[in-house]
Amino acid sequence: MANGKIEFTISSEYSDVAYVSLPAHPGKGKQGIVPRQVRLCDLLSEYDGPDIFFDFNASNQLLGIEVVG
């Protein structure tokens, strides 16, 4: 969120999906803010856990982390 805070939300549609918005995140619903998403299991081949995705902007700044349960 552009307010410089870290925000944690749980999806109202899917109870097993959570998102952590980091201070650089410009806000929910903005188009094209996440041109690159990296999945944790693609980085760590031995990883065994929930799906975790890292969202980056065009400058490779981490904007948020999505956890799918």
Protein backbone atom coordinates (compact mmCIF):
# COMPACT_ATOMS: atom_id res chain seq x y z
CA MET A 1 0.00 0.00 0.00
CA ALA A 2 1.29 3.41 -0.81
CA ASN A 3 0.78 4.42 2.83
CA GLY A 4 4.08 2.81 3.83
CA LYS A 5 2.50 0.07 5.94
CA ILE A 6 2.50 -3.68 5.77
CA GLU A 7 -0.99 -5.07 5.35
CA PHE A 8 -2.15 -8.68 5.76
CA THR A 9 -5.43 -9.77 4.18
CA ILE A 10 -7.28 -13.05 3.85
CA SER A 11 -9.35 -13.49 0.72
CA SER A 12 -13.07 -13.05 1.25
CA GLU A 13 -13.64 -15.48 -1.61
CA TYR A 14 -11.10 -18.18 -0.68
CA SER A 15 -10.30 -18.74 3.00
CA ASP A 16 -7.02 -20.50 2.18
CA VAL A 17 -5.51 -17.49 0.35
CA ALA A 18 -3.68 -14.70 2.18
CA TYR A 19 -1.73 -11.72 0.88
CA VAL A 20 0.93 -9.55 2.49
CA SER A 21 1.17 -6.11 0.87
CA LEU A 22 4.53 -4.50 1.53
CA PRO A 23 5.06 -0.73 1.92
CA ALA A 24 5.92 -0.23 -1.78
CA HIS A 25 2.66 -1.84 -2.96
CA PRO A 26 0.61 0.84 -4.78
CA GLY A 27 -2.76 -0.57 -3.76
CA LYS A 28 -5.29 -3.22 -4.60
CA GLY A 29 -6.90 -3.30 -8.02
CA LYS A 30 -4.28 -1.37 -9.96
CA GLN A 31 -3.67 -2.89 -13.40
CA GLY A 32 -0.17 -3.95 -14.46
CA ILE A 33 1.58 -3.42 -11.15
CA VAL A 34 2.86 -7.01 -10.94
CA PRO A 35 4.59 -7.83 -14.21
CA ARG A 36 6.67 -10.55 -12.55
CA GLN A 37 5.65 -13.25 -10.10
CA VAL A 38 8.04 -15.87 -8.73
CA ARG A 39 6.85 -19.10 -7.13
CA LEU A 40 8.86 -20.29 -4.12
CA CYS A 41 8.94 -23.93 -5.25
CA ASP A 42 10.63 -22.75 -8.49
CA LEU A 43 13.44 -21.33 -6.36
CA LEU A 44 13.73 -24.19 -3.88
CA SER A 45 13.29 -27.58 -5.51
CA GLU A 46 13.03 -29.35 -2.14
CA TYR A 47 10.34 -26.98 -0.82
CA ASP A 48 7.27 -28.78 0.54
CA GLY A 49 4.60 -26.43 1.77
CA PRO A 50 1.84 -24.10 0.69
CA ASP A 51 2.16 -22.27 -2.62
CA ILE A 52 3.95 -18.99 -2.01
CA PHE A 53 4.26 -16.35 -4.71
CA PHE A 54 6.44 -13.23 -4.64
CA ASP A 55 5.08 -10.25 -6.61
CA PHE A 56 7.57 -7.81 -8.14
CA ASN A 57 7.15 -4.53 -9.98
CA ALA A 58 8.98 -3.58 -13.20
CA SER A 59 11.99 -2.43 -11.13
CA ASN A 60 12.21 -5.83 -9.38
CA GLN A 61 11.03 -4.35 -6.11
CA LEU A 62 9.09 -6.82 -3.95
CA LEU A 63 5.49 -5.59 -3.62
CA GLY A 64 3.74 -8.47 -1.93
CA ILE A 65 3.63 -12.12 -0.97
CA GLU A 66 0.67 -14.41 -1.68
CA VAL A 67 0.18 -17.63 0.28
CA VAL A 68 -2.20 -20.26 -1.08
CA GLY A 69 -3.02 -22.82 1.53
